[in-house]
Amino acid sequence: MTGEDGAPRKLPPQGRRTLLLRLAVASDPVPVEWLCGALERNRSALHALKSRLASDGYDVEHVSGGYRLVAGQYSVDLHEFMAGIDALAPSTPVSELDRLARMWRGDPAREHDALPEETWQSARRGLHKLAKALCAIPEAERPASAQALPRIFPEDRVLRALTPAPPRKNLLIVDDTDADELGDRLMGRYEVIPLKGMPEWRSFRSDPRLHEMDGALIDLHLDDRATSNGMEIIEHLCKHTRIPTALVSAYPPAEIGELNSTFLQRHRLLRVVPKGKNGRELYDRLDEVAKELLDDAPRYRLLRLKAELAHAVFRLEEERAHPRNRAARASAIPWKHKQRRAEEAIDHGDVLKASRLVGEFCNGNWS
């Protein structure tokens, strides 16, 4: 609330503040009997509150059997906001939408809990109207104030639409026959880089964009000779990146089938996906495979952490089993406790703890 000079007015103590707020949010004089019931005071006590408000610098007048703040002396942001909402039109400039959005600095129902929650219903409806006007603006052109509204009211579904969309995840697909088709099926949800064989891969291998990839889908056979040249890519990703990877094949050899966990652990793979006849099985499972590689839902993040941990354990076990490390095989394994703690966090679904423990395990010095 501001005075005639435009400066914010200091609010009175709580008892008188409740009366002031009830008068401030009302558009018309508030009946005396209604105020007596709402404030649980008789007429004499209510009149005394009114008189003390005057000494606080707030002039209240008696009009048509009710009380109201003297007209023209005060500006109430609630009424200013509602007037702005009533004036909204398709031609309303972004600057005006920004001004209206910046008027909201908190939830008035929480800040003024002495007033019933229905006091703010018309304002919330106005806020929803404002949100729809802001949503009609391209996201890149919206004022920053639009992003603050869903933070003030995190459970409001209408305002949630103003939350900026997260950047799309980057997916690398290397497949000599289906790269474009797979990319088309995922278009609009992910940023896909489709490569059609080894020459394109070898050119892309030194591209800085490789390390911006969030996931990779690699075909095992990348020529007509049925050679497993896709493994060259798998090995590079495993050795030089931490990109979650899935291997696909029209005819995966039995020894690297999806259930062969040793193969998955060795190459840090989430899974091996059979293409099936005409690629149908891969197409049917593509959405789920893409989520396993890229989605931030806890179940998928835990799946990727599990694969990363399993690969790190595999490499440590492999090193320990080397003939030159006979003495180490006879001694206690220093990392087993850390491994168990990380596995327990994954099993319990604690994403933050699992992420921390897997990171510590993979970056640990166990020599």
Protein backbone atom coordinates (compact mmCIF):
# COMPACT_ATOMS: atom_id res chain seq x y z
CA MET A 1 0.00 0.00 0.00
CA THR A 2 1.27 3.48 -0.89
CA GLY A 3 0.12 6.97 0.03
CA GLU A 4 -0.66 9.92 -2.22
CA ASP A 5 3.07 10.64 -2.52
CA GLY A 6 3.70 7.15 -3.92
CA ALA A 7 5.86 6.09 -0.95
CA PRO A 8 5.13 2.75 0.77
CA ARG A 9 3.12 3.15 3.98
CA LYS A 10 4.20 1.52 7.21
CA LEU A 11 1.68 -1.05 8.41
CA PRO A 12 0.22 -0.69 11.92
CA PRO A 13 0.47 -3.36 14.66
CA GLN A 14 -1.29 -6.69 14.10
CA GLY A 15 -4.74 -5.95 15.58
CA ARG A 16 -5.27 -2.80 13.55
CA ARG A 17 -3.40 -4.28 10.60
CA THR A 18 -6.09 -6.93 10.12
CA LEU A 19 -8.80 -4.27 9.88
CA LEU A 20 -6.64 -2.22 7.52
CA LEU A 21 -6.00 -5.21 5.24
CA ARG A 22 -9.69 -6.10 5.09
CA LEU A 23 -10.54 -2.55 4.09
CA ALA A 24 -7.61 -2.34 1.64
CA VAL A 25 -8.51 -5.48 -0.34
CA ALA A 26 -12.20 -4.55 -0.60
CA SER A 27 -13.41 -2.65 -3.63
CA ASP A 28 -16.52 -1.31 -1.84
CA PRO A 29 -17.35 -0.23 1.72
CA VAL A 30 -17.26 -3.23 4.07
CA PRO A 31 -20.43 -3.59 6.20
CA VAL A 32 -19.83 -2.91 9.88
CA GLU A 33 -21.73 -6.03 10.96
CA TRP A 34 -19.55 -8.18 8.69
CA LEU A 35 -16.38 -6.65 10.13
CA CYS A 36 -17.63 -7.23 13.70
CA GLY A 37 -18.13 -10.92 12.91
CA ALA A 38 -14.84 -11.33 11.04
CA LEU A 39 -12.78 -9.58 13.71
CA GLU A 40 -14.84 -10.96 16.62
CA ARG A 41 -15.42 -7.50 18.13
CA ASN A 42 -18.52 -5.48 18.98
CA ARG A 43 -19.33 -2.15 17.37
CA SER A 44 -17.62 -0.12 20.11
CA ALA A 45 -14.40 -2.12 19.88
CA LEU A 46 -14.48 -1.91 16.08
CA HIS A 47 -14.98 1.86 16.26
CA ALA A 48 -12.01 2.10 18.63
CA LEU A 49 -9.86 0.18 16.10
CA LYS A 50 -11.01 2.56 13.37
CA SER A 51 -10.05 5.58 15.48
CA ARG A 52 -6.62 4.18 16.28
CA LEU A 53 -6.04 3.54 12.57
CA ALA A 54 -6.53 7.25 12.04
CA SER A 55 -3.73 7.91 14.55
CA ASP A 56 -1.57 5.52 12.49
CA GLY A 57 -2.13 7.72 9.48
CA TYR A 58 -4.90 5.73 7.81
CA ASP A 59 -8.15 7.64 7.40
CA VAL A 60 -11.24 5.44 7.45
CA GLU A 61 -14.70 6.81 6.68
CA HIS A 62 -18.17 5.48 7.39
CA VAL A 63 -20.19 5.17 4.18
CA SER A 64 -23.51 3.41 3.54
CA GLY A 65 -23.38 1.34 6.72
CA GLY A 66 -19.79 0.25 6.19
CA TYR A 67 -16.17 1.32 6.52
CA ARG A 68 -13.73 2.11 3.75
CA LEU A 69 -10.38 3.83 3.37
CA VAL A 70 -10.85 7.45 2.32
CA ALA A 71 -10.97 7.36 -1.46
CA GLY A 72 -8.04 8.76 -3.42
CA GLN A 73 -5.58 8.83 -0.55
CA TYR A 74 -4.10 5.36 -0.96
CA SER A 75 -3.01 3.04 -3.75
CA VAL A 76 -3.42 -0.70 -3.16
CA ASP A 77 -1.30 -2.99 -5.37
CA LEU A 78 -4.05 -5.61 -5.47
CA HIS A 79 -6.47 -3.17 -7.11
CA GLU A 80 -3.71 -1.88 -9.37
CA PHE A 81 -2.96 -5.44 -10.47
CA MET A 82 -6.61 -6.28 -11.14
CA ALA A 83 -7.04 -3.07 -13.16
CA GLY A 84 -4.05 -4.09 -15.27
CA ILE A 85 -5.52 -7.57 -15.79
CA ASP A 86 -8.88 -6.12 -16.82
CA ALA A 87 -7.07 -4.02 -19.44
CA LEU A 88 -5.15 -6.94 -20.97
CA ALA A 89 -5.49 -7.31 -24.73
CA PRO A 90 -3.58 -9.15 -27.49
CA SER A 91 -1.73 -5.89 -28.15
CA THR A 92 -0.59 -5.42 -24.52
CA PRO A 93 3.20 -4.81 -24.64
CA VAL A 94 5.60 -7.18 -22.94
CA SER A 95 6.74 -4.35 -20.67
CA GLU A 96 3.24 -4.14 -19.17
CA LEU A 97 3.08 -7.92 -18.66
CA ASP A 98 6.47 -7.67 -16.96
CA ARG A 99 5.20 -4.88 -14.68
CA LEU A 100 2.19 -6.96 -13.62
CA ALA A 101 4.31 -10.06 -13.02
CA ARG A 102 6.82 -8.11 -10.90
CA MET A 103 4.02 -7.02 -8.59
CA TRP A 104 4.02 -10.57 -7.20
CA ARG A 105 6.80 -11.00 -4.66
CA GLY A 106 5.17 -13.68 -2.54
CA ASP A 107 1.97 -15.55 -1.76
CA PRO A 108 -0.39 -13.10 -0.01
CA ALA A 109 -2.33 -15.98 1.55
CA ARG A 110 0.84 -16.91 3.46
CA GLU A 111 1.95 -13.39 4.22
CA HIS A 112 -1.49 -12.28 5.45
CA ASP A 113 -2.83 -15.44 7.04
CA ALA A 114 -5.28 -13.42 9.18
CA LEU A 115 -7.42 -13.04 6.05
CA PRO A 116 -9.42 -15.97 4.66
CA GLU A 117 -7.81 -17.64 1.64
CA GLU A 118 -10.80 -16.84 -0.58
CA THR A 119 -9.78 -13.18 -0.28
CA TRP A 120 -7.21 -13.83 -3.01
CA GLN A 121 -9.24 -15.98 -5.39
CA SER A 122 -9.96 -13.19 -7.89
CA ALA A 123 -6.27 -12.21 -7.85
CA ARG A 124 -5.23 -15.81 -8.55
CA ARG A 125 -7.67 -15.94 -11.46
CA GLY A 126 -6.09 -12.72 -12.72
CA LEU A 127 -2.67 -14.27 -12.29
CA HIS A 128 -3.72 -17.23 -14.42
CA LYS A 129 -4.89 -14.81 -17.12
CA LEU A 130 -1.51 -13.09 -16.96
CA ALA A 131 0.28 -16.47 -17.19
CA LYS A 132 -1.61 -17.36 -20.37
CA ALA A 133 -0.62 -14.01 -21.90
CA LEU A 134 3.02 -14.66 -20.97
CA CYS A 135 2.89 -18.21 -22.36
CA ALA A 136 1.79 -16.78 -25.70
CA ILE A 137 5.17 -15.02 -25.94
CA PRO A 138 8.08 -17.10 -27.34
CA GLU A 139 10.11 -18.40 -24.42
CA ALA A 140 13.25 -16.51 -25.47
CA GLU A 141 11.34 -13.20 -25.41
CA ARG A 142 9.58 -13.60 -22.07
CA PRO A 143 10.63 -11.29 -19.22
CA ALA A 144 12.59 -12.84 -16.36
CA SER A 145 9.69 -12.01 -14.03
CA ALA A 146 7.66 -14.78 -15.72
CA GLN A 147 10.02 -17.42 -14.31
CA ALA A 148 9.54 -16.13 -10.76
CA LEU A 149 5.79 -16.82 -10.67
CA PRO A 150 5.95 -20.66 -10.61
CA ARG A 151 8.57 -20.41 -7.85
CA ILE A 152 6.12 -18.40 -5.73
CA PHE A 153 3.31 -20.91 -6.38
CA PRO A 154 5.12 -24.23 -7.08
CA GLU A 155 1.93 -26.31 -6.93
CA ASP A 156 -0.03 -24.18 -9.42
CA ARG A 157 -0.29 -26.14 -12.67
CA VAL A 158 -1.24 -23.10 -14.75
CA LEU A 159 1.83 -21.17 -13.62
CA ARG A 160 4.04 -24.23 -14.05
CA ALA A 161 3.75 -23.73 -17.81
CA LEU A 162 6.00 -20.66 -17.38
CA THR A 163 8.90 -22.79 -16.14
CA PRO A 164 11.57 -22.74 -18.88
CA ALA A 165 11.88 -26.01 -20.75
CA PRO A 166 15.16 -27.76 -19.93
CA PRO A 167 17.65 -27.89 -22.81
CA ARG A 168 17.27 -30.93 -25.01
CA LYS A 169 19.69 -33.76 -24.43
CA ASN A 170 22.20 -34.61 -27.16
CA LEU A 171 22.13 -38.13 -28.61
CA LEU A 172 24.77 -39.60 -30.94
CA ILE A 173 23.51 -42.31 -33.30
CA VAL A 174 25.94 -44.25 -35.48
CA ASP A 175 24.13 -46.66 -37.81
CA ASP A 176 24.82 -47.29 -41.50
CA THR A 177 21.21 -48.16 -42.37
CA ASP A 178 18.89 -46.59 -39.79
CA ALA A 179 20.58 -43.45 -38.44
CA ASP A 180 18.23 -41.00 -40.18
CA GLU A 181 15.09 -43.02 -39.42
CA LEU A 182 16.01 -43.31 -35.74
CA GLY A 183 16.77 -39.59 -35.60
CA ASP A 184 13.42 -38.74 -37.20
CA ARG A 185 11.56 -40.85 -34.65
CA LEU A 186 13.23 -38.96 -31.79
CA MET A 187 12.95 -35.53 -33.39
CA GLY A 188 11.54 -32.82 -31.16
CA ARG A 189 12.56 -34.55 -27.94
CA TYR A 190 16.33 -34.75 -28.34
CA GLU A 191 19.06 -33.13 -30.40
CA VAL A 192 20.27 -36.03 -32.54
CA ILE A 193 23.53 -36.29 -34.48
CA PRO A 194 23.13 -39.20 -36.94
CA LEU A 195 26.30 -40.69 -38.44
CA LYS A 196 26.10 -43.33 -41.17
CA GLY A 197 29.35 -45.24 -40.86
CA MET A 198 32.97 -45.34 -39.87
CA PRO A 199 34.21 -42.51 -42.14
CA GLU A 200 31.69 -40.11 -40.59
CA TRP A 201 32.53 -41.36 -37.10
CA ARG A 202 36.29 -40.93 -37.60
CA SER A 203 35.69 -37.37 -38.73
CA PHE A 204 33.39 -36.67 -35.77
CA ARG A 205 35.72 -38.33 -33.25
CA SER A 206 37.87 -35.19 -32.98
CA ASP A 207 34.88 -32.82 -33.04
CA PRO A 208 34.41 -30.95 -29.71
CA ARG A 209 30.70 -31.76 -29.97
CA LEU A 210 31.48 -35.38 -29.11
CA HIS A 211 32.02 -34.39 -25.49
CA GLU A 212 28.68 -32.57 -25.45
CA MET A 213 26.81 -35.80 -26.13
CA ASP A 214 24.58 -37.06 -23.30
CA GLY A 215 24.10 -40.54 -24.76
CA ALA A 216 25.11 -42.76 -27.67
CA LEU A 217 23.40 -45.50 -29.68
CA ILE A 218 25.92 -47.47 -31.72
CA ASP A 219 25.30 -50.15 -34.37
CA LEU A 220 27.60 -53.16 -34.12
CA HIS A 221 27.93 -53.78 -37.87
CA LEU A 222 28.64 -50.65 -39.90
CA ASP A 223 29.25 -52.14 -43.34
CA ASP A 224 28.03 -54.94 -45.60
CA ARG A 225 30.79 -57.32 -44.53
CA ALA A 226 29.23 -57.97 -41.10
CA THR A 227 32.43 -56.93 -39.32
CA SER A 228 31.97 -55.73 -35.76
CA ASN A 229 33.54 -52.34 -36.47
CA GLY A 230 31.06 -50.63 -34.19
CA MET A 231 33.21 -51.93 -31.34
CA GLU A 232 35.89 -49.42 -32.32
CA ILE A 233 33.42 -46.66 -31.42
CA ILE A 234 32.32 -48.43 -28.24
CA GLU A 235 35.93 -48.76 -27.12
CA HIS A 236 36.64 -45.09 -27.81
CA LEU A 237 33.57 -43.93 -25.89
CA CYS A 238 34.39 -46.24 -23.00
CA LYS A 239 38.03 -45.17 -22.79
CA HIS A 240 37.80 -41.44 -23.49
CA THR A 241 34.32 -40.35 -22.36
CA ARG A 242 31.66 -41.03 -19.75
CA ILE A 243 28.84 -41.01 -22.30
CA PRO A 244 26.14 -43.62 -21.47
CA THR A 245 26.05 -46.03 -24.41
CA ALA A 246 23.83 -48.75 -25.85
CA LEU A 247 24.84 -51.16 -28.59
CA VAL A 248 22.38 -52.25 -31.29
CA SER A 249 22.69 -55.07 -33.79
CA ALA A 250 20.53 -56.83 -36.34
CA TYR A 251 22.17 -60.14 -35.40
CA PRO A 252 24.02 -59.84 -32.09
CA PRO A 253 26.35 -62.80 -31.51
CA ALA A 254 25.31 -64.97 -28.61
CA GLU A 255 28.46 -64.18 -26.63
CA ILE A 256 27.55 -60.47 -26.41
CA GLY A 257 23.84 -60.88 -25.91
CA GLU A 258 21.90 -58.57 -23.65
CA LEU A 259 22.08 -60.97 -20.71
CA ASN A 260 25.88 -61.29 -20.92
CA SER A 261 26.67 -58.93 -18.06
CA THR A 262 30.44 -59.40 -18.38
CA PHE A 263 30.33 -57.92 -21.86
CA LEU A 264 28.21 -55.01 -20.67
CA GLN A 265 30.54 -54.36 -17.73
CA ARG A 266 33.69 -54.53 -19.82
CA HIS A 267 32.45 -51.91 -22.29
CA ARG A 268 30.36 -49.77 -19.89
CA LEU A 269 27.18 -50.52 -21.85
CA LEU A 270 23.65 -50.08 -20.56
CA ARG A 271 22.33 -52.78 -22.83
CA VAL A 272 22.60 -54.56 -26.20
CA VAL A 273 19.43 -54.06 -28.24
CA PRO A 274 18.52 -56.47 -31.07
CA LYS A 275 17.18 -54.68 -34.13
CA GLY A 276 14.83 -57.47 -35.09
CA LYS A 277 13.31 -57.95 -38.52
CA ASN A 278 13.45 -54.68 -40.51
CA GLY A 279 14.53 -52.90 -37.33
CA ARG A 280 11.06 -53.32 -35.86
CA GLU A 281 12.20 -54.49 -32.41
CA LEU A 282 14.56 -51.54 -32.07
CA TYR A 283 11.88 -49.08 -33.22
CA ASP A 284 9.43 -50.54 -30.70
CA ARG A 285 11.94 -50.15 -27.88
CA LEU A 286 13.51 -46.90 -29.04
CA ASP A 287 11.66 -44.58 -26.65
CA GLU A 288 12.61 -46.65 -23.61
CA VAL A 289 16.24 -47.04 -24.74
CA ALA A 290 16.48 -43.26 -25.29
CA LYS A 291 15.12 -42.66 -21.78
CA GLU A 292 17.65 -45.08 -20.31
CA LEU A 293 20.42 -43.11 -21.99
CA LEU A 294 19.14 -39.57 -21.42
CA ASP A 295 16.20 -39.19 -19.05
CA ASP A 296 16.72 -37.51 -15.66
CA ALA A 297 14.05 -39.54 -13.86
CA PRO A 298 15.58 -41.31 -10.82
CA ARG A 299 15.14 -44.84 -12.23
CA TYR A 300 17.14 -43.99 -15.36
CA ARG A 301 19.83 -42.05 -13.52
CA LEU A 302 20.28 -45.00 -11.17
CA LEU A 303 20.52 -47.38 -14.13
CA ARG A 304 23.34 -45.31 -15.62
CA LEU A 305 25.12 -45.07 -12.27
CA LYS A 306 24.87 -48.84 -11.90
CA ALA A 307 26.50 -49.38 -15.31
CA GLU A 308 29.25 -46.89 -14.51
CA LEU A 309 29.99 -48.55 -11.18
CA ALA A 310 29.93 -52.06 -12.70
CA HIS A 311 32.48 -51.00 -15.33
CA ALA A 312 34.80 -49.49 -12.72
CA VAL A 313 34.59 -52.65 -10.59
CA PHE A 314 35.24 -54.82 -13.66
CA ARG A 315 38.41 -52.89 -14.50
CA LEU A 316 39.65 -53.11 -10.92
CA GLU A 317 38.94 -56.86 -10.77
CA GLU A 318 40.68 -57.33 -14.12
CA GLU A 319 43.73 -55.45 -12.90
CA ARG A 320 43.78 -57.41 -9.66
CA ALA A 321 43.59 -60.71 -11.54
CA HIS A 322 46.63 -59.88 -13.70
CA PRO A 323 49.56 -62.31 -13.15
CA ARG A 324 51.85 -59.51 -11.99
CA ASN A 325 49.48 -58.76 -9.11
CA ARG A 326 49.66 -62.09 -7.23
CA ALA A 327 50.52 -60.37 -3.96
CA ALA A 328 47.57 -58.00 -4.34
CA ARG A 329 45.19 -60.95 -4.82
CA ALA A 330 46.20 -62.32 -1.44
CA SER A 331 45.61 -59.03 0.37
CA ALA A 332 42.37 -57.35 1.39
CA ILE A 333 40.51 -55.53 -1.35
CA PRO A 334 40.60 -51.84 -0.35
CA TRP A 335 37.64 -50.75 -2.45
CA LYS A 336 35.07 -53.45 -1.59
CA HIS A 337 33.52 -51.40 1.22
CA LYS A 338 33.12 -48.37 -1.05
CA GLN A 339 31.60 -50.60 -3.72
CA ARG A 340 29.02 -52.00 -1.29
CA ARG A 341 28.07 -48.52 -0.06
CA ALA A 342 27.55 -47.30 -3.63
CA GLU A 343 25.52 -50.39 -4.54
CA GLU A 344 23.33 -49.96 -1.44
CA ALA A 345 22.61 -46.34 -2.34
CA ILE A 346 21.59 -47.45 -5.84
CA ASP A 347 19.41 -50.27 -4.47
CA HIS A 348 17.72 -47.84 -2.06
CA GLY A 349 17.00 -45.39 -4.88
CA ASP A 350 18.96 -42.54 -3.27
CA VAL A 351 20.06 -40.74 -6.44
CA LEU A 352 22.09 -37.96 -4.82
CA LYS A 353 23.96 -40.29 -2.49
CA ALA A 354 24.49 -42.87 -5.23
CA SER A 355 25.83 -40.21 -7.60
CA ARG A 356 28.28 -38.99 -4.98
CA LEU A 357 29.48 -42.46 -3.98
CA VAL A 358 29.83 -43.73 -7.55
CA GLY A 359 31.80 -40.59 -8.43
CA GLU A 360 34.09 -41.11 -5.46
CA PHE A 361 34.56 -44.78 -6.36
CA CYS A 362 35.32 -44.14 -10.04
CA ASN A 363 37.74 -41.32 -9.23
CA GLY A 364 39.39 -43.10 -6.29
CA ASN A 365 43.05 -44.10 -6.24
CA TRP A 366 43.03 -47.81 -5.44
CA SER A 367 46.59 -48.65 -6.40
